[in-house]
Amino acid sequence: MTDISSILQGGYHHPLTRKWQAKAQLTKSMLVYPIFITDNEDEETPISGFPGQKRRGINKLIPFLTPLIAKGLASVILFGVPLATGAKDPSGSKASDPNGPVILAIRVLKNAFPGLFVMTDVCLCEYTSHGHCGILNEDGTLNQQASVKRISAVAVDYALAGADCVAPSDMNDGRIKAIKEGLIAAGVSHKIMVMSYAAKFSGSLYGPFREAAGSAPSFGDRRCYQLPHTGRGLARRAIIRDLAEGADSIMVKPANAYLDIIADAAELAKNVPISAYQVSGEFAMIHAGATQGVFDLKAMALESLDGILRAGATIILTYFTEAILNEGWLDQ
């Protein structure tokens, strides 16, 4: 006689009972759409190697986002792409220019869509002439104190402009505490989420993004401050550190190649939302596989996001957000 406990298929025979097997199901409110904002007001330029994605100027934001918000877009994260002559210098001084792309975009979006949750990436790499994520010492290493001071000032400026969340991605030690202290001093800490890129790994998956943001380093690489891809222990230490410094959410980046780190974050940071950034290279690889007929684009995209969710994420930053909303992938 068959052991009753070995009979499993009845529990997932029906499409609905298959959905019920998930501890959590992907919803529109979990999705954050990354947006690249340039200082050319009317720009709308496709990005090489980045299927369907574009750099946009301020004047193109509202027409682009209006239908997505009508279909359920709840949040965006802004990346500034300064193109004007003189926009970059060794200290990234234009990162919080009140007439720069990010602050202008915050104001435009909050005015047009008061309910949209506007996040801002906080880094200097797009604004420094050397392309690194902070202010450098003479030997080319990051000056932690000067970098943290500058990063925290930029975060406060974004918050004062109307951002709902600041997300420092620079990976300088001590930046979360400095940002929290800056927000307290500015009187806005009670309404601004600080999402830490605590577990951000260096690697080969950022190519299309760096093309989009114009943020590739002019020399060397970022391996001395982004985490090594083998550094699971370092990631755990960084998560614990940033929680102690006041992070309101922990992010893991990239996502699909680091599901174990997402699971670690969910374990170590039980009391805050866990974010995962499905980066440009992961997005482009799924598109490339679908183009070659390896799998169906929609099926693979949703499978990849379900994997991130299953690992423990509750917020997913993904370039698939546009297709999910426009094509109704979660409505079917």
C-alpha atoms as a PDB file:
ATOM      1  CA  MET A   1       0.000   0.000   0.000  1.00  0.00           C
ATOM      2  CA  THR A   2       1.296   3.465  -0.906  1.00  0.00           C
ATOM      3  CA  ASP A   3       2.496   5.637   1.966  1.00  0.00           C
ATOM      4  CA  ILE A   4      -0.102   8.422   2.277  1.00  0.00           C
ATOM      5  CA  SER A   5       2.600  11.026   3.004  1.00  0.00           C
ATOM      6  CA  SER A   6       4.192  10.379  -0.391  1.00  0.00           C
ATOM      7  CA  ILE A   7       1.114  11.656  -2.305  1.00  0.00           C
ATOM      8  CA  LEU A   8       1.890  15.285  -3.152  1.00  0.00           C
ATOM      9  CA  GLN A   9       0.483  15.982  -6.611  1.00  0.00           C
ATOM     10  CA  GLY A  10      -3.101  16.496  -5.478  1.00  0.00           C
ATOM     11  CA  GLY A  11      -1.913  19.578  -3.637  1.00  0.00           C
ATOM     12  CA  TYR A  12      -0.765  21.340  -6.780  1.00  0.00           C
ATOM     13  CA  HIS A  13      -2.918  19.849  -9.560  1.00  0.00           C
ATOM     14  CA  HIS A  14      -5.067  22.969 -10.023  1.00  0.00           C
ATOM     15  CA  PRO A  15      -3.551  26.295 -11.226  1.00  0.00           C
ATOM     16  CA  LEU A  16      -4.855  28.043  -8.100  1.00  0.00           C
ATOM     17  CA  THR A  17      -3.403  25.483  -5.710  1.00  0.00           C
ATOM     18  CA  ARG A  18      -0.065  25.867  -7.497  1.00  0.00           C
ATOM     19  CA  LYS A  19      -0.185  29.581  -6.698  1.00  0.00           C
ATOM     20  CA  TRP A  20      -1.019  28.756  -3.102  1.00  0.00           C
ATOM     21  CA  GLN A  21       2.313  26.948  -2.714  1.00  0.00           C
ATOM     22  CA  ALA A  22       4.088  30.304  -2.591  1.00  0.00           C
ATOM     23  CA  LYS A  23       4.753  31.855   0.805  1.00  0.00           C
ATOM     24  CA  ALA A  24       4.360  35.211  -0.943  1.00  0.00           C
ATOM     25  CA  GLN A  25       3.129  36.162  -4.397  1.00  0.00           C
ATOM     26  CA  LEU A  26       4.506  38.866  -6.666  1.00  0.00           C
ATOM     27  CA  THR A  27       2.404  42.025  -6.617  1.00  0.00           C
ATOM     28  CA  LYS A  28       2.680  45.375  -8.390  1.00  0.00           C
ATOM     29  CA  SER A  29       3.364  47.184  -5.115  1.00  0.00           C
ATOM     30  CA  MET A  30       6.598  45.202  -4.698  1.00  0.00           C
ATOM     31  CA  LEU A  31       8.065  46.554  -7.936  1.00  0.00           C
ATOM     32  CA  VAL A  32      10.369  49.554  -8.287  1.00  0.00           C
ATOM     33  CA  TYR A  33      11.195  50.848 -11.769  1.00  0.00           C
ATOM     34  CA  PRO A  34      14.684  52.336 -12.300  1.00  0.00           C
ATOM     35  CA  ILE A  35      14.635  55.558 -14.361  1.00  0.00           C
ATOM     36  CA  PHE A  36      17.631  57.280 -15.990  1.00  0.00           C
ATOM     37  CA  ILE A  37      17.233  61.071 -15.999  1.00  0.00           C
ATOM     38  CA  THR A  38      19.449  63.300 -18.137  1.00  0.00           C
ATOM     39  CA  ASP A  39      20.038  67.040 -18.061  1.00  0.00           C
ATOM     40  CA  ASN A  40      18.815  67.272 -21.657  1.00  0.00           C
ATOM     41  CA  GLU A  41      15.144  68.123 -21.072  1.00  0.00           C
ATOM     42  CA  ASP A  42      13.786  66.606 -24.278  1.00  0.00           C
ATOM     43  CA  GLU A  43      16.031  63.554 -24.578  1.00  0.00           C
ATOM     44  CA  GLU A  44      14.592  60.081 -25.094  1.00  0.00           C
ATOM     45  CA  THR A  45      17.498  57.903 -26.194  1.00  0.00           C
ATOM     46  CA  PRO A  46      17.604  54.074 -26.396  1.00  0.00           C
ATOM     47  CA  ILE A  47      20.476  52.545 -24.432  1.00  0.00           C
ATOM     48  CA  SER A  48      22.835  50.153 -26.192  1.00  0.00           C
ATOM     49  CA  GLY A  49      22.645  46.572 -24.907  1.00  0.00           C
ATOM     50  CA  PHE A  50      19.691  47.413 -22.684  1.00  0.00           C
ATOM     51  CA  PRO A  51      16.489  46.163 -24.403  1.00  0.00           C
ATOM     52  CA  GLY A  52      13.649  48.664 -24.319  1.00  0.00           C
ATOM     53  CA  GLN A  53      15.309  51.013 -21.836  1.00  0.00           C
ATOM     54  CA  LYS A  54      15.970  54.714 -22.474  1.00  0.00           C
ATOM     55  CA  ARG A  55      17.569  57.781 -20.971  1.00  0.00           C
ATOM     56  CA  ARG A  56      14.936  60.480 -20.582  1.00  0.00           C
ATOM     57  CA  GLY A  57      14.867  64.210 -19.970  1.00  0.00           C
ATOM     58  CA  ILE A  58      12.496  65.965 -17.599  1.00  0.00           C
ATOM     59  CA  ASN A  59       9.980  66.786 -20.324  1.00  0.00           C
ATOM     60  CA  LYS A  60       9.589  63.106 -21.228  1.00  0.00           C
ATOM     61  CA  LEU A  61       8.932  61.823 -17.717  1.00  0.00           C
ATOM     62  CA  ILE A  62       5.248  62.600 -17.284  1.00  0.00           C
ATOM     63  CA  PRO A  63       4.096  61.257 -20.693  1.00  0.00           C
ATOM     64  CA  PHE A  64       6.106  58.076 -20.115  1.00  0.00           C
ATOM     65  CA  LEU A  65       5.022  57.392 -16.542  1.00  0.00           C
ATOM     66  CA  THR A  66       1.356  58.431 -16.681  1.00  0.00           C
ATOM     67  CA  PRO A  67       0.079  55.196 -18.298  1.00  0.00           C
ATOM     68  CA  LEU A  68       2.307  53.057 -16.068  1.00  0.00           C
ATOM     69  CA  ILE A  69       0.977  54.703 -12.925  1.00  0.00           C
ATOM     70  CA  ALA A  70      -2.574  54.186 -14.197  1.00  0.00           C
ATOM     71  CA  LYS A  71      -1.720  50.469 -14.468  1.00  0.00           C
ATOM     72  CA  GLY A  72      -0.325  50.216 -10.954  1.00  0.00           C
ATOM     73  CA  LEU A  73       3.223  51.594 -10.862  1.00  0.00           C
ATOM     74  CA  ALA A  74       3.849  52.493  -7.215  1.00  0.00           C
ATOM     75  CA  SER A  75       7.535  53.407  -7.072  1.00  0.00           C
ATOM     76  CA  VAL A  76      10.519  54.531  -9.137  1.00  0.00           C
ATOM     77  CA  ILE A  77      14.200  54.988  -8.345  1.00  0.00           C
ATOM     78  CA  LEU A  78      16.011  57.848 -10.057  1.00  0.00           C
ATOM     79  CA  PHE A  79      19.547  57.799 -11.481  1.00  0.00           C
ATOM     80  CA  GLY A  80      20.984  61.066 -12.692  1.00  0.00           C
ATOM     81  CA  VAL A  81      22.882  61.111 -15.994  1.00  0.00           C
ATOM     82  CA  PRO A  82      24.616  64.484 -16.365  1.00  0.00           C
ATOM     83  CA  LEU A  83      25.717  65.146 -19.934  1.00  0.00           C
ATOM     84  CA  ALA A  84      26.401  68.897 -19.923  1.00  0.00           C
ATOM     85  CA  THR A  85      29.937  70.225 -20.201  1.00  0.00           C
ATOM     86  CA  GLY A  86      31.352  70.806 -16.731  1.00  0.00           C
ATOM     87  CA  ALA A  87      28.835  68.539 -15.014  1.00  0.00           C
ATOM     88  CA  LYS A  88      31.586  66.300 -13.656  1.00  0.00           C
ATOM     89  CA  ASP A  89      34.484  67.147 -11.350  1.00  0.00           C
ATOM     90  CA  PRO A  90      36.677  65.272  -8.836  1.00  0.00           C
ATOM     91  CA  SER A  91      34.248  65.762  -5.928  1.00  0.00           C
ATOM     92  CA  GLY A  92      30.924  65.202  -7.718  1.00  0.00           C
ATOM     93  CA  SER A  93      29.800  68.673  -6.698  1.00  0.00           C
ATOM     94  CA  LYS A  94      26.872  68.681  -9.151  1.00  0.00           C
ATOM     95  CA  ALA A  95      25.207  65.584  -7.668  1.00  0.00           C
ATOM     96  CA  SER A  96      22.781  67.732  -5.702  1.00  0.00           C
ATOM     97  CA  ASP A  97      22.600  70.713  -8.028  1.00  0.00           C
ATOM     98  CA  PRO A  98      19.080  72.188  -7.544  1.00  0.00           C
ATOM     99  CA  ASN A  99      18.873  72.502 -11.316  1.00  0.00           C
ATOM    100  CA  GLY A 100      20.347  69.066 -11.944  1.00  0.00           C
ATOM    101  CA  PRO A 101      18.388  66.105 -13.310  1.00  0.00           C
ATOM    102  CA  VAL A 102      17.615  64.300 -10.050  1.00  0.00           C
ATOM    103  CA  ILE A 103      16.294  67.204  -7.984  1.00  0.00           C
ATOM    104  CA  LEU A 104      14.318  68.550 -10.930  1.00  0.00           C
ATOM    105  CA  ALA A 105      12.861  65.081 -11.524  1.00  0.00           C
ATOM    106  CA  ILE A 106      11.879  64.679  -7.859  1.00  0.00           C
ATOM    107  CA  ARG A 107       9.969  67.949  -7.943  1.00  0.00           C
ATOM    108  CA  VAL A 108       8.281  67.223 -11.267  1.00  0.00           C
ATOM    109  CA  LEU A 109       7.200  63.745 -10.206  1.00  0.00           C
ATOM    110  CA  LYS A 110       5.920  64.698  -6.761  1.00  0.00           C
ATOM    111  CA  ASN A 111       3.954  67.559  -8.261  1.00  0.00           C
ATOM    112  CA  ALA A 112       2.389  65.390 -10.983  1.00  0.00           C
ATOM    113  CA  PHE A 113       2.009  62.183  -8.959  1.00  0.00           C
ATOM    114  CA  PRO A 114       1.829  62.983  -5.216  1.00  0.00           C
ATOM    115  CA  GLY A 115       1.196  59.342  -4.354  1.00  0.00           C
ATOM    116  CA  LEU A 116       4.170  57.960  -6.286  1.00  0.00           C
ATOM    117  CA  PHE A 117       6.930  56.690  -3.975  1.00  0.00           C
ATOM    118  CA  VAL A 118      10.049  58.381  -5.309  1.00  0.00           C
ATOM    119  CA  MET A 119      13.380  56.806  -4.441  1.00  0.00           C
ATOM    120  CA  THR A 120      16.764  58.264  -5.318  1.00  0.00           C
ATOM    121  CA  ASP A 121      20.002  56.426  -5.779  1.00  0.00           C
ATOM    122  CA  VAL A 122      22.670  58.328  -3.850  1.00  0.00           C
ATOM    123  CA  CYS A 123      26.155  58.055  -5.306  1.00  0.00           C
ATOM    124  CA  LEU A 124      28.823  60.249  -6.856  1.00  0.00           C
ATOM    125  CA  CYS A 125      30.036  58.014  -9.690  1.00  0.00           C
ATOM    126  CA  GLU A 126      27.831  59.646 -12.330  1.00  0.00           C
ATOM    127  CA  TYR A 127      29.111  63.084 -11.291  1.00  0.00           C
ATOM    128  CA  THR A 128      32.827  62.516 -10.689  1.00  0.00           C
ATOM    129  CA  SER A 129      35.338  63.057 -13.463  1.00  0.00           C
ATOM    130  CA  HIS A 130      37.101  59.828 -12.449  1.00  0.00           C
ATOM    131  CA  GLY A 131      33.909  57.738 -12.265  1.00  0.00           C
ATOM    132  CA  HIS A 132      34.491  56.378  -8.772  1.00  0.00           C
ATOM    133  CA  CYS A 133      31.887  56.418  -6.019  1.00  0.00           C
ATOM    134  CA  GLY A 134      33.418  59.069  -3.796  1.00  0.00           C
ATOM    135  CA  ILE A 135      36.223  61.559  -3.293  1.00  0.00           C
ATOM    136  CA  LEU A 136      39.704  60.123  -3.829  1.00  0.00           C
ATOM    137  CA  ASN A 137      42.950  60.227  -1.908  1.00  0.00           C
ATOM    138  CA  GLU A 138      46.131  61.011  -3.809  1.00  0.00           C
ATOM    139  CA  ASP A 139      46.842  57.288  -4.187  1.00  0.00           C
ATOM    140  CA  GLY A 140      43.489  56.728  -5.949  1.00  0.00           C
ATOM    141  CA  THR A 141      41.738  55.067  -3.001  1.00  0.00           C
ATOM    142  CA  LEU A 142      38.491  56.412  -1.579  1.00  0.00           C
ATOM    143  CA  ASN A 143      38.754  59.050   1.111  1.00  0.00           C
ATOM    144  CA  GLN A 144      36.118  57.612   3.417  1.00  0.00           C
ATOM    145  CA  GLN A 145      35.564  60.670   5.601  1.00  0.00           C
ATOM    146  CA  ALA A 146      35.265  63.166   2.736  1.00  0.00           C
ATOM    147  CA  SER A 147      33.153  60.763   0.683  1.00  0.00           C
ATOM    148  CA  VAL A 148      30.722  60.025   3.505  1.00  0.00           C
ATOM    149  CA  LYS A 149      30.346  63.722   4.267  1.00  0.00           C
ATOM    150  CA  ARG A 150      29.540  64.460   0.617  1.00  0.00           C
ATOM    151  CA  ILE A 151      27.214  61.452   0.190  1.00  0.00           C
ATOM    152  CA  SER A 152      25.231  62.359   3.304  1.00  0.00           C
ATOM    153  CA  ALA A 153      24.867  65.958   2.111  1.00  0.00           C
ATOM    154  CA  VAL A 154      23.528  64.757  -1.253  1.00  0.00           C
ATOM    155  CA  ALA A 155      21.052  62.422   0.467  1.00  0.00           C
ATOM    156  CA  VAL A 156      19.724  65.267   2.625  1.00  0.00           C
ATOM    157  CA  ASP A 157      19.360  67.527  -0.425  1.00  0.00           C
ATOM    158  CA  TYR A 158      17.324  64.844  -2.214  1.00  0.00           C
ATOM    159  CA  ALA A 159      15.136  64.402   0.855  1.00  0.00           C
ATOM    160  CA  LEU A 160      14.540  68.152   1.144  1.00  0.00           C
ATOM    161  CA  ALA A 161      13.598  68.236  -2.546  1.00  0.00           C
ATOM    162  CA  GLY A 162      10.790  65.769  -1.836  1.00  0.00           C
ATOM    163  CA  ALA A 163      12.194  62.250  -2.234  1.00  0.00           C
ATOM    164  CA  ASP A 164      10.487  59.584  -0.124  1.00  0.00           C
ATOM    165  CA  CYS A 165      13.542  57.327   0.093  1.00  0.00           C
ATOM    166  CA  VAL A 166      17.290  57.773  -0.267  1.00  0.00           C
ATOM    167  CA  ALA A 167      19.308  54.724  -1.280  1.00  0.00           C
ATOM    168  CA  PRO A 168      23.086  55.136  -0.941  1.00  0.00           C
ATOM    169  CA  SER A 169      24.915  52.792  -3.322  1.00  0.00           C
ATOM    170  CA  ASP A 170      28.474  54.091  -2.868  1.00  0.00           C
ATOM    171  CA  MET A 171      29.531  51.424  -0.337  1.00  0.00           C
ATOM    172  CA  ASN A 172      31.603  53.828   1.790  1.00  0.00           C
ATOM    173  CA  ASP A 173      31.857  52.645   5.382  1.00  0.00           C
ATOM    174  CA  GLY A 174      29.739  54.653   7.822  1.00  0.00           C
ATOM    175  CA  ARG A 175      27.481  56.321   5.289  1.00  0.00           C
ATOM    176  CA  ILE A 176      24.169  55.105   6.762  1.00  0.00           C
ATOM    177  CA  LYS A 177      24.857  56.633  10.168  1.00  0.00           C
ATOM    178  CA  ALA A 178      25.977  59.902   8.563  1.00  0.00           C
ATOM    179  CA  ILE A 179      22.852  60.066   6.396  1.00  0.00           C
ATOM    180  CA  LYS A 180      20.575  59.326   9.335  1.00  0.00           C
ATOM    181  CA  GLU A 181      22.258  62.055  11.387  1.00  0.00           C
ATOM    182  CA  GLY A 182      21.936  64.467   8.464  1.00  0.00           C
ATOM    183  CA  LEU A 183      18.232  63.724   8.057  1.00  0.00           C
ATOM    184  CA  ILE A 184      17.678  64.223  11.793  1.00  0.00           C
ATOM    185  CA  ALA A 185      19.490  67.558  11.689  1.00  0.00           C
ATOM    186  CA  ALA A 186      17.384  68.617   8.678  1.00  0.00           C
ATOM    187  CA  GLY A 187      14.160  67.694  10.487  1.00  0.00           C
ATOM    188  CA  VAL A 188      13.015  65.121   7.930  1.00  0.00           C
ATOM    189  CA  SER A 189      14.156  61.794   9.379  1.00  0.00           C
ATOM    190  CA  HIS A 190      10.568  60.973  10.382  1.00  0.00           C
ATOM    191  CA  LYS A 191       9.410  60.768   6.758  1.00  0.00           C
ATOM    192  CA  ILE A 192      12.399  59.512   4.753  1.00  0.00           C
ATOM    193  CA  MET A 193      13.274  55.850   4.302  1.00  0.00           C
ATOM    194  CA  VAL A 194      16.978  55.009   4.125  1.00  0.00           C
ATOM    195  CA  MET A 195      17.468  51.942   1.941  1.00  0.00           C
ATOM    196  CA  SER A 196      21.026  50.673   2.182  1.00  0.00           C
ATOM    197  CA  TYR A 197      22.777  48.932  -0.688  1.00  0.00           C
ATOM    198  CA  ALA A 198      24.383  46.904   2.100  1.00  0.00           C
ATOM    199  CA  ALA A 199      25.239  43.834   0.026  1.00  0.00           C
ATOM    200  CA  LYS A 200      26.345  45.258  -3.312  1.00  0.00           C
ATOM    201  CA  PHE A 201      28.785  43.025  -5.154  1.00  0.00           C
ATOM    202  CA  SER A 202      31.342  43.872  -7.801  1.00  0.00           C
ATOM    203  CA  GLY A 203      31.220  41.755 -10.939  1.00  0.00           C
ATOM    204  CA  SER A 204      30.305  41.435 -14.592  1.00  0.00           C
ATOM    205  CA  LEU A 205      26.590  42.218 -14.518  1.00  0.00           C
ATOM    206  CA  TYR A 206      26.593  46.030 -14.648  1.00  0.00           C
ATOM    207  CA  GLY A 207      27.615  46.721 -18.257  1.00  0.00           C
ATOM    208  CA  PRO A 208      24.332  48.070 -19.672  1.00  0.00           C
ATOM    209  CA  PHE A 209      23.791  50.207 -16.563  1.00  0.00           C
ATOM    210  CA  ARG A 210      27.197  51.842 -16.850  1.00  0.00           C
ATOM    211  CA  GLU A 211      26.435  52.584 -20.488  1.00  0.00           C
ATOM    212  CA  ALA A 212      23.136  54.124 -19.424  1.00  0.00           C
ATOM    213  CA  ALA A 213      24.529  56.198 -16.568  1.00  0.00           C
ATOM    214  CA  GLY A 214      27.931  57.018 -18.059  1.00  0.00           C
ATOM    215  CA  SER A 215      29.459  55.901 -14.779  1.00  0.00           C
ATOM    216  CA  ALA A 216      32.298  53.542 -15.719  1.00  0.00           C
ATOM    217  CA  PRO A 217      35.520  54.316 -13.776  1.00  0.00           C
ATOM    218  CA  SER A 218      38.174  56.137 -15.807  1.00  0.00           C
ATOM    219  CA  PHE A 219      40.836  53.969 -14.154  1.00  0.00           C
ATOM    220  CA  GLY A 220      40.895  50.811 -12.063  1.00  0.00           C
ATOM    221  CA  ASP A 221      37.666  49.247 -10.820  1.00  0.00           C
ATOM    222  CA  ARG A 222      35.446  49.177  -7.734  1.00  0.00           C
ATOM    223  CA  ARG A 223      36.609  45.927  -6.205  1.00  0.00           C
ATOM    224  CA  CYS A 224      38.122  47.606  -3.159  1.00  0.00           C
ATOM    225  CA  TYR A 225      34.784  48.980  -1.998  1.00  0.00           C
ATOM    226  CA  GLN A 226      32.084  46.851  -3.636  1.00  0.00           C
ATOM    227  CA  LEU A 227      31.992  43.352  -2.174  1.00  0.00           C
ATOM    228  CA  PRO A 228      33.828  40.431  -3.816  1.00  0.00           C
ATOM    229  CA  HIS A 229      31.371  37.980  -5.353  1.00  0.00           C
ATOM    230  CA  THR A 230      32.651  35.249  -3.026  1.00  0.00           C
ATOM    231  CA  GLY A 231      32.225  37.408   0.090  1.00  0.00           C
ATOM    232  CA  ARG A 232      29.160  35.989   1.760  1.00  0.00           C
ATOM    233  CA  GLY A 233      30.584  36.665   5.212  1.00  0.00           C
ATOM    234  CA  LEU A 234      31.402  40.248   4.279  1.00  0.00           C
ATOM    235  CA  ALA A 235      27.837  40.733   3.084  1.00  0.00           C
ATOM    236  CA  ARG A 236      26.469  39.441   6.375  1.00  0.00           C
ATOM    237  CA  ARG A 237      28.757  41.804   8.294  1.00  0.00           C
ATOM    238  CA  ALA A 238      27.719  44.753   6.123  1.00  0.00           C
ATOM    239  CA  ILE A 239      24.026  43.976   6.638  1.00  0.00           C
ATOM    240  CA  ILE A 240      24.469  43.808  10.425  1.00  0.00           C
ATOM    241  CA  ARG A 241      26.509  47.043  10.402  1.00  0.00           C
ATOM    242  CA  ASP A 242      24.000  49.011   8.328  1.00  0.00           C
ATOM    243  CA  LEU A 243      21.081  47.835  10.451  1.00  0.00           C
ATOM    244  CA  ALA A 244      22.946  49.062  13.537  1.00  0.00           C
ATOM    245  CA  GLU A 245      23.480  52.423  11.815  1.00  0.00           C
ATOM    246  CA  GLY A 246      19.750  52.838  11.218  1.00  0.00           C
ATOM    247  CA  ALA A 247      18.973  51.412   7.766  1.00  0.00           C
ATOM    248  CA  ASP A 248      15.218  51.130   7.183  1.00  0.00           C
ATOM    249  CA  SER A 249      15.646  48.571   4.383  1.00  0.00           C
ATOM    250  CA  ILE A 250      18.480  46.328   3.234  1.00  0.00           C
ATOM    251  CA  MET A 251      19.247  45.804  -0.448  1.00  0.00           C
ATOM    252  CA  VAL A 252      21.078  42.970  -2.193  1.00  0.00           C
ATOM    253  CA  LYS A 253      22.545  43.698  -5.645  1.00  0.00           C
ATOM    254  CA  PRO A 254      22.686  41.833  -8.044  1.00  0.00           C
ATOM    255  CA  ALA A 255      19.753  39.552  -7.299  1.00  0.00           C
ATOM    256  CA  ASN A 256      19.455  36.319  -9.304  1.00  0.00           C
ATOM    257  CA  ALA A 257      23.106  35.371  -8.857  1.00  0.00           C
ATOM    258  CA  TYR A 258      22.930  36.130  -5.112  1.00  0.00           C
ATOM    259  CA  LEU A 259      19.823  34.372  -3.859  1.00  0.00           C
ATOM    260  CA  ASP A 260      21.775  32.993  -0.902  1.00  0.00           C
ATOM    261  CA  ILE A 261      22.619  36.557   0.155  1.00  0.00           C
ATOM    262  CA  ILE A 262      18.956  37.576  -0.122  1.00  0.00           C
ATOM    263  CA  ALA A 263      18.115  34.642   2.143  1.00  0.00           C
ATOM    264  CA  ASP A 264      20.849  35.741   4.564  1.00  0.00           C
ATOM    265  CA  ALA A 265      19.472  39.290   4.558  1.00  0.00           C
ATOM    266  CA  ALA A 266      15.975  38.002   5.306  1.00  0.00           C
ATOM    267  CA  GLU A 267      17.399  36.045   8.232  1.00  0.00           C
ATOM    268  CA  LEU A 268      19.589  38.823   9.635  1.00  0.00           C
ATOM    269  CA  ALA A 269      17.179  41.709   9.016  1.00  0.00           C
ATOM    270  CA  LYS A 270      13.846  40.172   9.984  1.00  0.00           C
ATOM    271  CA  ASN A 271      12.316  43.477  11.030  1.00  0.00           C
ATOM    272  CA  VAL A 272      12.912  45.556   7.881  1.00  0.00           C
ATOM    273  CA  PRO A 273      11.902  45.141   4.213  1.00  0.00           C
ATOM    274  CA  ILE A 274      14.438  43.262   2.083  1.00  0.00           C
ATOM    275  CA  SER A 275      15.115  44.766  -1.342  1.00  0.00           C
ATOM    276  CA  ALA A 276      16.766  43.070  -4.288  1.00  0.00           C
ATOM    277  CA  TYR A 277      18.003  44.759  -7.457  1.00  0.00           C
ATOM    278  CA  GLN A 278      17.752  42.633 -10.603  1.00  0.00           C
ATOM    279  CA  VAL A 279      20.522  44.458 -12.410  1.00  0.00           C
ATOM    280  CA  SER A 280      20.981  45.394 -16.046  1.00  0.00           C
ATOM    281  CA  GLY A 281      23.119  42.374 -16.935  1.00  0.00           C
ATOM    282  CA  GLU A 282      20.608  39.945 -15.457  1.00  0.00           C
ATOM    283  CA  PHE A 283      17.802  41.690 -17.354  1.00  0.00           C
ATOM    284  CA  ALA A 284      19.796  41.686 -20.607  1.00  0.00           C
ATOM    285  CA  MET A 285      20.693  37.989 -20.274  1.00  0.00           C
ATOM    286  CA  ILE A 286      17.044  37.002 -19.959  1.00  0.00           C
ATOM    287  CA  HIS A 287      16.235  39.060 -23.049  1.00  0.00           C
ATOM    288  CA  ALA A 288      19.150  37.482 -24.931  1.00  0.00           C
ATOM    289  CA  GLY A 289      18.018  33.966 -24.066  1.00  0.00           C
ATOM    290  CA  ALA A 290      14.469  34.714 -25.174  1.00  0.00           C
ATOM    291  CA  THR A 291      15.719  36.232 -28.440  1.00  0.00           C
ATOM    292  CA  GLN A 292      17.614  33.004 -29.144  1.00  0.00           C
ATOM    293  CA  GLY A 293      14.525  30.904 -28.462  1.00  0.00           C
ATOM    294  CA  VAL A 294      15.939  29.334 -25.307  1.00  0.00           C
ATOM    295  CA  PHE A 295      12.794  30.220 -23.359  1.00  0.00           C
ATOM    296  CA  ASP A 296       9.763  32.495 -23.388  1.00  0.00           C
ATOM    297  CA  LEU A 297      10.561  36.017 -22.203  1.00  0.00           C
ATOM    298  CA  LYS A 298       7.536  36.485 -19.964  1.00  0.00           C
ATOM    299  CA  ALA A 299       7.793  33.026 -18.413  1.00  0.00           C
ATOM    300  CA  MET A 300      11.501  33.382 -17.669  1.00  0.00           C
ATOM    301  CA  ALA A 301      11.191  36.945 -16.366  1.00  0.00           C
ATOM    302  CA  LEU A 302       8.450  35.974 -13.929  1.00  0.00           C
ATOM    303  CA  GLU A 303      10.326  32.827 -12.886  1.00  0.00           C
ATOM    304  CA  SER A 304      13.401  34.922 -12.129  1.00  0.00           C
ATOM    305  CA  LEU A 305      11.357  37.352 -10.030  1.00  0.00           C
ATOM    306  CA  ASP A 306       9.596  34.540  -8.178  1.00  0.00           C
ATOM    307  CA  GLY A 307      13.019  33.135  -7.314  1.00  0.00           C
ATOM    308  CA  ILE A 308      14.046  36.487  -5.815  1.00  0.00           C
ATOM    309  CA  LEU A 309      10.793  36.636  -3.886  1.00  0.00           C
ATOM    310  CA  ARG A 310      11.145  33.053  -2.683  1.00  0.00           C
ATOM    311  CA  ALA A 311      14.648  33.788  -1.375  1.00  0.00           C
ATOM    312  CA  GLY A 312      13.181  36.429   0.929  1.00  0.00           C
ATOM    313  CA  ALA A 313      12.908  39.765  -0.868  1.00  0.00           C
ATOM    314  CA  THR A 314       9.833  41.909  -0.345  1.00  0.00           C
ATOM    315  CA  ILE A 315      10.833  44.726  -2.739  1.00  0.00           C
ATOM    316  CA  ILE A 316      12.245  44.113  -6.238  1.00  0.00           C
ATOM    317  CA  LEU A 317      13.934  46.734  -8.386  1.00  0.00           C
ATOM    318  CA  THR A 318      13.622  45.482 -11.952  1.00  0.00           C
ATOM    319  CA  TYR A 319      13.582  46.801 -15.516  1.00  0.00           C
ATOM    320  CA  PHE A 320      10.827  44.283 -16.251  1.00  0.00           C
ATOM    321  CA  THR A 321       8.409  46.534 -14.358  1.00  0.00           C
ATOM    322  CA  GLU A 322       7.411  48.343 -17.558  1.00  0.00           C
ATOM    323  CA  ALA A 323       6.484  45.125 -19.396  1.00  0.00           C
ATOM    324  CA  ILE A 324       4.773  43.653 -16.342  1.00  0.00           C
ATOM    325  CA  LEU A 325       2.464  46.661 -16.151  1.00  0.00           C
ATOM    326  CA  ASN A 326       2.002  47.474 -19.837  1.00  0.00           C
ATOM    327  CA  GLU A 327       1.412  43.870 -20.854  1.00  0.00           C
ATOM    328  CA  GLY A 328      -0.566  42.883 -17.757  1.00  0.00           C
ATOM    329  CA  TRP A 329       1.688  39.991 -16.776  1.00  0.00           C
ATOM    330  CA  LEU A 330       0.294  39.922 -13.228  1.00  0.00           C
ATOM    331  CA  ASP A 331      -3.295  40.386 -14.353  1.00  0.00           C
ATOM    332  CA  GLN A 332      -3.508  37.091 -16.238  1.00  0.00           C
END
